[in-house]
Amino acid sequence: MTNSSVVLESTQDSSVVLESTQDSSVVLESTQDSSVVLESTQDSSVVLESTQDSSVVLESKQDSSVVLESTQDSSVVLVLHRLDSGAGIYTRLVSGAGIYTRLVSGAGIKTFGMIKIKY
């Protein structure tokens, strides 16, 4: 794999910012109240916010196919595929277990970022 994976550990009283500019501009912020903002600006503008009450807000400015699944244990699976390039974002939020985010790029569907944060 040409690009590296990143694993970050954060404590309850700290915030985490990860920025990667090799293939995209990605900012992942984790705040004290466990809210999460994921922003990707490579091929689309996507904002994913998850709050403590398990509500999810997704904004996308590109044509996309979006699948959002929520289970009884408050885990959320969000799959976003862009129809024109094959690029996509797969984000899984598991209650109590942290956040695992994988972003894939359209050219060969290579992985350009992996982030896992434990609260």
N, C-alpha and C. Protein backbone atom coordinates (compact mmCIF):
# COMPACT_ATOMS: atom_id res chain seq x y z
N MET A 1 0.84 -1.18 0.00
CA MET A 1 0.00 0.00 0.00
C MET A 1 0.89 1.24 0.00
N THR A 2 0.66 2.14 -0.92
CA THR A 2 1.55 3.28 -1.08
C THR A 2 1.35 4.34 -0.02
N ASN A 3 0.20 4.37 0.58
CA ASN A 3 -0.09 5.38 1.58
C ASN A 3 -0.19 4.74 2.96
N SER A 4 0.10 5.50 3.97
CA SER A 4 0.18 4.95 5.31
C SER A 4 -1.17 4.97 6.00
N SER A 5 -1.28 4.09 6.99
CA SER A 5 -2.43 4.10 7.87
C SER A 5 -2.05 4.83 9.14
N VAL A 6 -3.02 5.47 9.76
CA VAL A 6 -2.77 6.24 10.96
C VAL A 6 -3.72 5.76 12.05
N VAL A 7 -3.15 5.48 13.21
CA VAL A 7 -3.96 5.12 14.36
C VAL A 7 -3.71 6.16 15.44
N LEU A 8 -4.77 6.79 15.90
CA LEU A 8 -4.67 7.80 16.94
C LEU A 8 -5.47 7.38 18.15
N GLU A 9 -4.93 7.63 19.32
CA GLU A 9 -5.64 7.37 20.57
C GLU A 9 -5.91 8.71 21.24
N SER A 10 -7.13 8.94 21.67
CA SER A 10 -7.44 10.20 22.32
C SER A 10 -8.10 9.93 23.67
N THR A 11 -7.85 10.82 24.62
CA THR A 11 -8.48 10.71 25.92
C THR A 11 -9.78 11.50 25.93
N GLN A 12 -10.55 11.34 26.98
CA GLN A 12 -11.87 11.97 27.03
C GLN A 12 -11.79 13.49 27.05
N ASP A 13 -10.69 14.03 27.54
CA ASP A 13 -10.61 15.48 27.66
C ASP A 13 -9.80 16.13 26.55
N SER A 14 -9.49 15.39 25.50
CA SER A 14 -8.65 15.95 24.45
C SER A 14 -9.37 15.93 23.12
N SER A 15 -8.93 16.79 22.24
CA SER A 15 -9.44 16.79 20.88
C SER A 15 -8.33 16.34 19.94
N VAL A 16 -8.72 15.77 18.82
CA VAL A 16 -7.77 15.24 17.86
C VAL A 16 -8.06 15.85 16.50
N VAL A 17 -7.02 16.31 15.85
CA VAL A 17 -7.14 16.82 14.49
C VAL A 17 -6.13 16.09 13.63
N LEU A 18 -6.59 15.46 12.58
CA LEU A 18 -5.71 14.79 11.63
C LEU A 18 -5.90 15.42 10.27
N GLU A 19 -4.82 15.85 9.66
CA GLU A 19 -4.89 16.45 8.34
C GLU A 19 -3.93 15.73 7.42
N SER A 20 -4.42 15.31 6.29
CA SER A 20 -3.60 14.63 5.30
C SER A 20 -3.80 15.30 3.96
N THR A 21 -2.71 15.66 3.29
CA THR A 21 -2.83 16.40 2.04
C THR A 21 -2.19 15.66 0.87
N GLN A 22 -1.86 14.38 1.03
CA GLN A 22 -1.22 13.66 -0.06
C GLN A 22 -2.19 13.43 -1.22
N ASP A 23 -3.33 12.87 -0.91
CA ASP A 23 -4.35 12.63 -1.93
C ASP A 23 -5.59 13.49 -1.73
N SER A 24 -5.71 14.07 -0.57
CA SER A 24 -6.90 14.85 -0.28
C SER A 24 -6.64 15.71 0.93
N SER A 25 -7.57 16.57 1.21
CA SER A 25 -7.53 17.34 2.45
C SER A 25 -8.58 16.76 3.39
N VAL A 26 -8.11 16.14 4.46
CA VAL A 26 -9.01 15.45 5.38
C VAL A 26 -8.79 16.01 6.77
N VAL A 27 -9.85 16.41 7.42
CA VAL A 27 -9.78 16.88 8.80
C VAL A 27 -10.77 16.06 9.61
N LEU A 28 -10.26 15.42 10.63
CA LEU A 28 -11.12 14.67 11.55
C LEU A 28 -10.97 15.29 12.93
N GLU A 29 -12.04 15.80 13.46
CA GLU A 29 -12.01 16.44 14.76
C GLU A 29 -12.86 15.66 15.74
N SER A 30 -12.29 15.38 16.89
CA SER A 30 -13.02 14.70 17.95
C SER A 30 -13.02 15.60 19.17
N THR A 31 -14.20 15.98 19.62
CA THR A 31 -14.29 16.93 20.73
C THR A 31 -14.66 16.21 22.02
N GLN A 32 -14.66 16.95 23.09
CA GLN A 32 -14.89 16.37 24.41
C GLN A 32 -16.27 15.74 24.53
N ASP A 33 -17.25 16.31 23.84
CA ASP A 33 -18.60 15.77 23.93
C ASP A 33 -18.85 14.63 22.95
N SER A 34 -17.79 14.09 22.38
CA SER A 34 -17.86 12.93 21.50
C SER A 34 -18.52 13.23 20.16
N SER A 35 -18.71 14.49 19.84
CA SER A 35 -19.21 14.80 18.51
C SER A 35 -18.07 14.67 17.51
N VAL A 36 -18.41 14.32 16.28
CA VAL A 36 -17.40 14.05 15.27
C VAL A 36 -17.75 14.81 14.00
N VAL A 37 -16.75 15.46 13.42
CA VAL A 37 -16.91 16.10 12.12
C VAL A 37 -15.87 15.52 11.19
N LEU A 38 -16.30 14.94 10.10
CA LEU A 38 -15.40 14.40 9.08
C LEU A 38 -15.62 15.19 7.81
N GLU A 39 -14.57 15.80 7.31
CA GLU A 39 -14.67 16.61 6.10
C GLU A 39 -13.67 16.11 5.08
N SER A 40 -14.13 15.83 3.89
CA SER A 40 -13.27 15.38 2.81
C SER A 40 -13.51 16.28 1.60
N THR A 41 -12.42 16.80 1.02
CA THR A 41 -12.57 17.75 -0.07
C THR A 41 -11.90 17.27 -1.35
N GLN A 42 -11.60 15.99 -1.47
CA GLN A 42 -10.91 15.51 -2.66
C GLN A 42 -11.82 15.55 -3.89
N ASP A 43 -12.87 14.78 -3.87
CA ASP A 43 -13.78 14.71 -5.00
C ASP A 43 -15.17 15.24 -4.66
N SER A 44 -15.43 15.42 -3.41
CA SER A 44 -16.74 15.90 -3.01
C SER A 44 -16.61 16.62 -1.69
N SER A 45 -17.63 17.37 -1.37
CA SER A 45 -17.68 18.04 -0.07
C SER A 45 -18.63 17.27 0.82
N VAL A 46 -18.09 16.64 1.84
CA VAL A 46 -18.89 15.78 2.70
C VAL A 46 -18.68 16.20 4.15
N VAL A 47 -19.75 16.38 4.86
CA VAL A 47 -19.68 16.65 6.29
C VAL A 47 -20.53 15.61 7.00
N LEU A 48 -19.91 14.87 7.89
CA LEU A 48 -20.62 13.87 8.68
C LEU A 48 -20.50 14.25 10.14
N GLU A 49 -21.63 14.46 10.78
CA GLU A 49 -21.64 14.82 12.19
C GLU A 49 -22.39 13.75 12.97
N SER A 50 -21.78 13.28 14.03
CA SER A 50 -22.43 12.30 14.89
C SER A 50 -22.40 12.83 16.31
N THR A 51 -23.57 12.93 16.93
CA THR A 51 -23.65 13.47 18.29
C THR A 51 -23.89 12.34 19.28
N GLN A 52 -23.87 12.68 20.55
CA GLN A 52 -24.02 11.67 21.59
C GLN A 52 -25.37 10.96 21.54
N ASP A 53 -26.37 11.62 21.00
CA ASP A 53 -27.68 10.99 20.93
C ASP A 53 -27.84 10.14 19.68
N SER A 54 -26.73 9.85 19.01
CA SER A 54 -26.69 8.95 17.86
C SER A 54 -27.38 9.53 16.63
N SER A 55 -27.67 10.82 16.64
CA SER A 55 -28.21 11.42 15.43
C SER A 55 -27.08 11.66 14.44
N VAL A 56 -27.38 11.54 13.17
CA VAL A 56 -26.38 11.67 12.12
C VAL A 56 -26.85 12.67 11.09
N VAL A 57 -25.99 13.59 10.72
CA VAL A 57 -26.28 14.55 9.67
C VAL A 57 -25.25 14.37 8.57
N LEU A 58 -25.70 14.14 7.36
CA LEU A 58 -24.80 14.00 6.22
C LEU A 58 -25.15 15.03 5.18
N GLU A 59 -24.14 15.78 4.74
CA GLU A 59 -24.32 16.73 3.66
C GLU A 59 -23.37 16.37 2.53
N SER A 60 -23.88 16.28 1.33
CA SER A 60 -23.05 15.97 0.18
C SER A 60 -23.43 16.90 -0.96
N LYS A 61 -22.41 17.47 -1.61
CA LYS A 61 -22.65 18.40 -2.71
C LYS A 61 -22.42 17.75 -4.07
N GLN A 62 -22.22 16.45 -4.09
CA GLN A 62 -22.01 15.74 -5.34
C GLN A 62 -23.11 14.70 -5.50
N ASP A 63 -23.35 14.31 -6.75
CA ASP A 63 -24.29 13.21 -6.98
C ASP A 63 -23.73 11.95 -6.35
N SER A 64 -24.52 11.30 -5.55
CA SER A 64 -24.00 10.15 -4.84
C SER A 64 -25.14 9.20 -4.49
N SER A 65 -24.73 7.98 -4.20
CA SER A 65 -25.65 6.99 -3.66
C SER A 65 -25.30 6.80 -2.20
N VAL A 66 -26.25 7.01 -1.32
CA VAL A 66 -25.99 6.99 0.11
C VAL A 66 -26.81 5.89 0.76
N VAL A 67 -26.15 5.07 1.54
CA VAL A 67 -26.82 4.05 2.34
C VAL A 67 -26.51 4.33 3.79
N LEU A 68 -27.53 4.50 4.60
CA LEU A 68 -27.35 4.75 6.02
C LEU A 68 -28.10 3.69 6.80
N GLU A 69 -27.38 2.96 7.63
CA GLU A 69 -27.98 1.91 8.43
C GLU A 69 -27.71 2.19 9.90
N SER A 70 -28.70 1.98 10.72
CA SER A 70 -28.53 2.16 12.16
C SER A 70 -29.08 0.93 12.87
N THR A 71 -28.29 0.39 13.79
CA THR A 71 -28.71 -0.80 14.51
C THR A 71 -29.14 -0.45 15.92
N GLN A 72 -29.69 -1.42 16.61
CA GLN A 72 -30.24 -1.17 17.95
C GLN A 72 -29.16 -0.81 18.96
N ASP A 73 -27.91 -1.24 18.71
CA ASP A 73 -26.84 -0.93 19.66
C ASP A 73 -26.19 0.41 19.36
N SER A 74 -26.87 1.24 18.61
CA SER A 74 -26.44 2.61 18.32
C SER A 74 -25.25 2.68 17.37
N SER A 75 -24.86 1.56 16.78
CA SER A 75 -23.80 1.65 15.78
C SER A 75 -24.40 2.17 14.48
N VAL A 76 -23.61 2.90 13.74
CA VAL A 76 -24.06 3.51 12.50
C VAL A 76 -23.11 3.13 11.39
N VAL A 77 -23.66 2.67 10.29
CA VAL A 77 -22.86 2.37 9.11
C VAL A 77 -23.30 3.31 8.01
N LEU A 78 -22.36 4.08 7.50
CA LEU A 78 -22.65 5.02 6.43
C LEU A 78 -21.77 4.68 5.24
N VAL A 79 -22.38 4.45 4.09
CA VAL A 79 -21.63 4.15 2.88
C VAL A 79 -21.99 5.20 1.84
N LEU A 80 -20.99 5.88 1.35
CA LEU A 80 -21.20 6.92 0.34
C LEU A 80 -20.37 6.57 -0.89
N HIS A 81 -21.04 6.37 -2.02
CA HIS A 81 -20.35 6.07 -3.27
C HIS A 81 -20.67 7.15 -4.29
N ARG A 82 -19.64 7.70 -4.89
CA ARG A 82 -19.87 8.64 -5.99
C ARG A 82 -20.06 7.84 -7.27
N LEU A 83 -21.11 8.17 -7.99
CA LEU A 83 -21.46 7.39 -9.17
C LEU A 83 -20.53 7.65 -10.34
N ASP A 84 -19.92 8.84 -10.43
CA ASP A 84 -19.15 9.18 -11.62
C ASP A 84 -17.72 8.67 -11.57
N SER A 85 -17.13 8.52 -10.39
CA SER A 85 -15.72 8.15 -10.34
C SER A 85 -15.45 6.88 -9.55
N GLY A 86 -16.43 6.40 -8.83
CA GLY A 86 -16.20 5.23 -8.01
C GLY A 86 -15.56 5.55 -6.67
N ALA A 87 -15.18 6.80 -6.45
CA ALA A 87 -14.63 7.16 -5.15
C ALA A 87 -15.72 7.07 -4.10
N GLY A 88 -15.32 6.79 -2.89
CA GLY A 88 -16.33 6.66 -1.86
C GLY A 88 -15.76 6.84 -0.48
N ILE A 89 -16.65 6.92 0.46
CA ILE A 89 -16.28 7.02 1.86
C ILE A 89 -17.07 5.97 2.63
N TYR A 90 -16.35 5.16 3.37
CA TYR A 90 -17.00 4.17 4.22
C TYR A 90 -16.70 4.54 5.67
N THR A 91 -17.72 4.85 6.41
CA THR A 91 -17.54 5.30 7.78
C THR A 91 -18.38 4.43 8.70
N ARG A 92 -17.75 3.87 9.70
CA ARG A 92 -18.49 3.06 10.67
C ARG A 92 -18.25 3.63 12.05
N LEU A 93 -19.31 3.97 12.73
CA LEU A 93 -19.24 4.48 14.09
C LEU A 93 -19.86 3.43 15.00
N VAL A 94 -19.08 2.92 15.92
CA VAL A 94 -19.56 1.89 16.83
C VAL A 94 -19.61 2.46 18.23
N SER A 95 -20.77 2.39 18.84
CA SER A 95 -20.96 3.01 20.15
C SER A 95 -20.03 2.37 21.18
N GLY A 96 -19.25 3.20 21.85
CA GLY A 96 -18.36 2.72 22.89
C GLY A 96 -17.05 2.14 22.38
N ALA A 97 -16.95 1.91 21.09
CA ALA A 97 -15.75 1.28 20.55
C ALA A 97 -14.93 2.23 19.70
N GLY A 98 -15.40 3.43 19.48
CA GLY A 98 -14.63 4.40 18.73
C GLY A 98 -15.14 4.58 17.31
N ILE A 99 -14.29 5.13 16.49
CA ILE A 99 -14.65 5.51 15.13
C ILE A 99 -13.61 4.92 14.18
N TYR A 100 -14.09 4.25 13.16
CA TYR A 100 -13.20 3.72 12.14
C TYR A 100 -13.62 4.31 10.80
N THR A 101 -12.71 4.98 10.15
CA THR A 101 -13.03 5.65 8.89
C THR A 101 -12.06 5.22 7.82
N ARG A 102 -12.57 4.79 6.70
CA ARG A 102 -11.72 4.45 5.57
C ARG A 102 -12.18 5.25 4.36
N LEU A 103 -11.25 5.91 3.70
CA LEU A 103 -11.56 6.69 2.52
C LEU A 103 -10.85 6.06 1.34
N VAL A 104 -11.56 5.87 0.25
CA VAL A 104 -10.97 5.26 -0.93
C VAL A 104 -11.05 6.22 -2.10
N SER A 105 -10.06 6.13 -2.98
CA SER A 105 -9.99 7.00 -4.14
C SER A 105 -10.41 6.24 -5.39
N GLY A 106 -10.95 6.95 -6.36
CA GLY A 106 -11.51 6.31 -7.53
C GLY A 106 -10.51 5.58 -8.41
N ALA A 107 -9.29 6.11 -8.54
CA ALA A 107 -8.30 5.51 -9.43
C ALA A 107 -7.73 4.25 -8.79
N GLY A 108 -8.26 3.11 -9.17
CA GLY A 108 -7.79 1.86 -8.62
C GLY A 108 -8.33 1.55 -7.24
N ILE A 109 -9.19 2.40 -6.74
CA ILE A 109 -9.79 2.22 -5.41
C ILE A 109 -8.69 1.97 -4.37
N LYS A 110 -7.70 2.83 -4.36
CA LYS A 110 -6.63 2.70 -3.37
C LYS A 110 -7.04 3.39 -2.07
N THR A 111 -6.51 2.90 -0.99
CA THR A 111 -6.80 3.49 0.30
C THR A 111 -5.82 4.62 0.55
N PHE A 112 -6.32 5.81 0.85
CA PHE A 112 -5.41 6.91 1.13
C PHE A 112 -5.51 7.40 2.55
N GLY A 113 -6.34 6.83 3.36
CA GLY A 113 -6.36 7.23 4.76
C GLY A 113 -7.16 6.27 5.60
N MET A 114 -6.61 5.90 6.75
CA MET A 114 -7.35 5.11 7.72
C MET A 114 -7.19 5.76 9.07
N ILE A 115 -8.28 5.92 9.76
CA ILE A 115 -8.27 6.60 11.05
C ILE A 115 -9.08 5.77 12.03
N LYS A 116 -8.52 5.51 13.18
CA LYS A 116 -9.29 4.85 14.24
C LYS A 116 -9.04 5.59 15.54
N ILE A 117 -10.11 6.00 16.17
CA ILE A 117 -9.99 6.75 17.42
C ILE A 117 -10.79 6.04 18.49
N LYS A 118 -10.17 5.84 19.63
CA LYS A 118 -10.86 5.25 20.77
C LYS A 118 -11.10 6.32 21.80
N TYR A 119 -12.31 6.36 22.33
CA TYR A 119 -12.63 7.34 23.37
C TYR A 119 -12.34 6.73 24.73
